[in-house]
Protein backbone atom coordinates (compact mmCIF):
# COMPACT_ATOMS: atom_id res chain seq x y z
CA MET A 1 0.00 0.00 0.00
CA LEU A 2 1.52 3.32 -1.10
CA ILE A 3 0.80 6.32 1.14
CA THR A 4 2.04 9.80 0.27
CA SER A 5 2.09 12.74 2.70
CA THR A 6 3.35 16.30 2.33
CA PHE A 7 4.14 18.90 4.97
CA GLU A 8 6.28 22.01 5.42
CA VAL A 9 8.88 22.82 8.04
CA SER A 10 9.56 26.50 8.63
CA GLN A 11 13.32 26.04 8.55
CA PRO A 12 15.78 26.30 5.62
CA LEU A 13 16.44 23.25 3.45
CA PRO A 14 20.07 22.59 4.58
CA ARG A 15 19.02 22.49 8.24
CA VAL A 16 16.07 20.14 7.60
CA TRP A 17 18.19 17.89 5.36
CA GLU A 18 20.84 17.58 8.07
CA PHE A 19 18.12 16.67 10.58
CA PHE A 20 16.67 13.95 8.32
CA GLY A 21 20.11 12.34 8.12
CA ASN A 22 19.99 11.61 11.86
CA ILE A 23 17.63 8.62 12.07
CA PRO A 24 17.40 8.50 15.90
CA GLN A 25 16.37 12.19 15.90
CA VAL A 26 13.77 11.53 13.19
CA ALA A 27 12.46 8.45 15.02
CA ALA A 28 12.02 10.53 18.19
CA CYS A 29 9.44 12.57 16.24
CA LEU A 30 7.22 9.62 15.33
CA PRO A 31 4.65 8.77 18.03
CA GLY A 32 5.37 5.39 19.56
CA ALA A 33 8.78 4.92 17.89
CA ALA A 34 12.27 4.71 19.39
CA MET A 35 15.65 3.75 17.97
CA THR A 36 17.45 1.80 20.66
CA ASP A 37 20.56 0.41 18.93
CA ASP A 38 23.06 1.80 16.42
CA LEU A 39 24.00 -1.33 14.43
CA GLY A 40 26.50 0.50 12.20
CA ASN A 41 26.43 1.23 8.46
CA ASP A 42 23.35 3.49 8.79
CA THR A 43 21.31 0.63 10.33
CA TYR A 44 19.39 0.97 13.58
CA GLY A 45 17.42 -1.34 15.84
CA GLY A 46 14.32 -0.16 17.61
CA HIS A 47 10.64 -0.54 18.20
CA VAL A 48 7.30 1.03 17.27
CA GLY A 49 4.16 0.67 19.35
CA ILE A 50 0.68 1.48 18.08
CA ARG A 51 -2.89 0.68 18.95
CA MET A 52 -5.48 0.21 16.20
CA GLY A 53 -8.89 -0.38 17.68
CA PRO A 54 -8.70 -3.09 20.35
CA VAL A 55 -5.33 -4.38 19.11
CA LYS A 56 -2.14 -3.02 20.63
CA MET A 57 0.93 -4.02 18.68
CA GLN A 58 4.59 -3.57 19.54
CA PHE A 59 6.91 -4.09 16.56
CA ALA A 60 10.63 -4.69 17.06
CA GLY A 61 12.88 -4.47 14.07
CA LYS A 62 15.47 -2.60 12.04
CA ALA A 63 15.63 0.52 9.91
CA ALA A 64 18.44 1.09 7.41
CA ILE A 65 19.23 4.02 5.16
CA THR A 66 19.54 2.37 1.75
CA GLU A 67 19.96 5.51 -0.32
CA ARG A 68 21.05 9.07 0.45
CA ASP A 69 21.18 11.55 -2.46
CA GLU A 70 22.72 14.78 -1.17
CA ALA A 71 22.18 16.71 -4.42
CA ALA A 72 18.49 15.79 -4.78
CA HIS A 73 17.82 15.88 -1.00
CA ARG A 74 16.31 12.41 -1.13
CA ILE A 75 16.68 9.69 1.47
CA VAL A 76 15.32 6.12 1.38
CA ILE A 77 14.84 4.05 4.54
CA ASP A 78 13.98 0.35 4.57
CA ALA A 79 12.28 -0.68 7.81
CA THR A 80 11.08 -4.13 8.84
CA GLY A 81 9.67 -5.44 12.07
CA ALA A 82 7.68 -8.17 13.72
CA ASP A 83 5.10 -7.90 16.48
CA GLU A 84 6.71 -9.02 19.72
CA LYS A 85 3.75 -11.38 20.39
CA GLY A 86 4.02 -12.95 16.93
CA ARG A 87 0.74 -11.50 15.62
CA GLY A 88 2.10 -9.98 12.46
CA GLN A 89 4.88 -8.35 10.52
CA ALA A 90 5.40 -5.00 8.85
CA ALA A 91 7.75 -3.84 6.13
CA MET A 92 7.97 -0.26 4.94
CA LEU A 93 10.10 1.47 2.36
CA VAL A 94 10.10 5.20 3.18
CA THR A 95 11.28 7.78 0.68
CA ALA A 96 11.60 11.39 1.83
CA ARG A 97 12.20 14.18 -0.68
CA LEU A 98 12.99 17.66 0.54
CA SER A 99 12.82 20.88 -1.48
CA ALA A 100 13.04 24.58 -0.74
CA ALA A 101 9.73 26.40 -0.39
CA GLY A 102 10.83 30.00 0.06
CA SER A 103 12.51 30.17 3.47
CA ALA A 104 10.79 26.93 4.51
CA THR A 105 11.26 23.30 3.41
CA LYS A 106 8.66 21.13 1.73
CA VAL A 107 8.86 17.46 2.76
CA VAL A 108 7.20 14.72 0.68
CA VAL A 109 7.11 11.31 2.36
CA GLU A 110 6.15 8.19 0.41
CA GLN A 111 5.57 5.02 2.39
CA ASP A 112 5.24 1.66 0.68
CA LEU A 113 3.69 -0.29 3.55
CA GLN A 114 3.19 -4.07 3.67
CA LEU A 115 1.37 -5.59 6.64
CA SER A 116 0.56 -9.16 7.63
CA GLY A 117 -1.31 -10.61 10.59
CA ALA A 118 -3.59 -8.59 12.89
CA ALA A 119 -2.63 -5.16 11.51
CA ALA A 120 -3.48 -6.27 7.96
CA GLN A 121 -7.10 -6.89 8.99
CA TYR A 122 -7.83 -3.16 9.05
CA GLY A 123 -9.05 -1.59 5.82
CA ARG A 124 -7.02 0.78 3.71
CA GLY A 125 -9.22 3.71 4.79
CA MET A 126 -8.54 3.14 8.49
CA ILE A 127 -4.81 2.65 7.90
CA ASN A 128 -4.68 5.86 5.80
CA ASP A 129 -6.54 7.79 8.50
CA VAL A 130 -4.28 6.52 11.30
CA ASN A 131 -1.25 7.29 9.14
CA ALA A 132 -2.52 10.84 8.50
CA VAL A 133 -2.84 11.46 12.25
CA LEU A 134 0.65 10.04 12.92
CA LEU A 135 2.22 12.10 10.11
CA ARG A 136 0.54 15.28 11.33
CA ASP A 137 2.01 14.73 14.81
CA PHE A 138 5.35 13.76 13.24
CA SER A 139 5.54 17.03 11.26
CA VAL A 140 4.83 19.11 14.39
CA ASN A 141 7.51 17.21 16.32
CA VAL A 142 10.05 17.64 13.48
CA GLN A 143 9.38 21.39 13.49
CA ASN A 144 9.77 21.64 17.27
CA ARG A 145 13.01 19.63 17.40
CA ILE A 146 14.65 21.43 14.47
CA THR A 147 13.70 24.81 15.97
CA ALA A 148 15.24 23.78 19.30
CA ILE A 149 18.48 22.76 17.54
CA ALA A 150 18.54 26.04 15.54
CA GLU A 151 18.14 28.00 18.78
CA GLY A 152 20.99 26.09 20.42
CA ARG A 153 18.70 24.22 22.81
CA ASP A 154 18.79 20.50 23.49
CA PRO A 155 16.18 18.92 21.16
CA ASP A 156 15.15 16.64 24.02
CA SER A 157 14.05 19.79 25.88
CA VAL A 158 10.95 19.83 23.66
CA GLY A 159 10.38 16.18 24.53
CA THR A 160 10.04 13.12 22.42
CA ALA A 161 6.89 12.10 20.66
CA ALA A 162 4.28 10.70 23.01
CA ALA A 163 3.33 7.09 22.55
CA ALA A 164 0.77 6.51 19.86
CA SER A 165 -2.43 6.62 21.90
CA GLY A 166 -5.00 4.21 20.58
CA LEU A 167 -7.93 6.26 21.83
CA ALA A 168 -6.75 9.61 20.45
CA ILE A 169 -5.66 8.18 17.10
CA GLY A 170 -8.74 6.00 16.86
CA LEU A 171 -11.10 8.90 17.56
CA GLN A 172 -9.38 11.13 15.02
CA ALA A 173 -9.35 8.35 12.41
CA VAL A 174 -13.06 7.65 12.98
CA ARG A 175 -13.79 11.37 12.66
CA MET A 176 -11.92 11.46 9.33
CA ALA A 177 -13.81 8.38 8.07
CA LEU A 178 -17.17 9.88 9.07
CA LEU A 179 -16.35 13.13 7.29
CA ARG A 180 -15.53 11.15 4.14
CA VAL A 181 -18.87 9.33 4.32
CA PHE A 182 -20.73 12.56 5.07
CA ARG A 183 -19.19 14.31 2.08
CA ARG A 184 -19.97 11.39 -0.19
CA PHE A 185 -23.57 10.73 0.81
CA CYS A 186 -24.98 13.73 2.64
CA LEU A 187 -23.95 16.78 0.68
CA PRO A 188 -26.68 18.11 -1.59
CA TYR A 189 -26.79 16.67 -5.06
CA ARG A 190 -25.74 19.17 -7.69
CA PRO A 191 -26.53 18.13 -11.24
CA ALA A 192 -23.88 18.84 -13.85
CA THR A 193 -24.41 22.03 -15.81
CA SER A 194 -23.77 22.33 -19.49
C-alpha cells in the first residue's frame, strides 16, 4: 500500500536535510517509535508501538538508510519489524524528498507499507486515517526539534513524541472516516451544468 504525505517545516532546506540524516532524531518525532541500537552502516534497531482499535501491537525491528542523495535531497529508509507477540509483521520502504519552499522546506514522504497478521485486517481507509494522524504529529515534532536545535537548545528539551495513543488516534481516524462518508452521501446533489 503506497501512502504519500506532504508537509512544510519553517526552517531552511540545509538544516532540515541535516536533521533527516539523523535517524534517531527523526524516530524521536514519530509517536510510539524509538531507535534503541546503532547497528552501524546506517542501520538501527528499535521498536514502534501502536494501537489500532482493540489491538495493541509492539513491533521490534530494524531501519536502514539504503539511499542518500545529497544533491536531490532524497533519502530512502527500509524498515522491517515483527510484532513481539508474533501477531504480524510489517515492512515499509520510506522515501523522503525535501525541497526549498521559500525560506521553509517542503517534505514529501512516500511510504510503501506491507502488513501481515492482525494489523493487515484493518481496511485501507482506516490505515490511511491513522497514518494521516501520525504524520501530522510527526511534522509538528520535526518542526519543534529542528527549531530547538537552531536556537541552540537541546532537542530533548521539547520532549520526544508521546506514545501513539490508541484512543486519540482511533477517535481522530473515525472522525476522518465519518467526514468522508458525510461528504460522499450527505452533501446536496448538484446536477452537472452544461
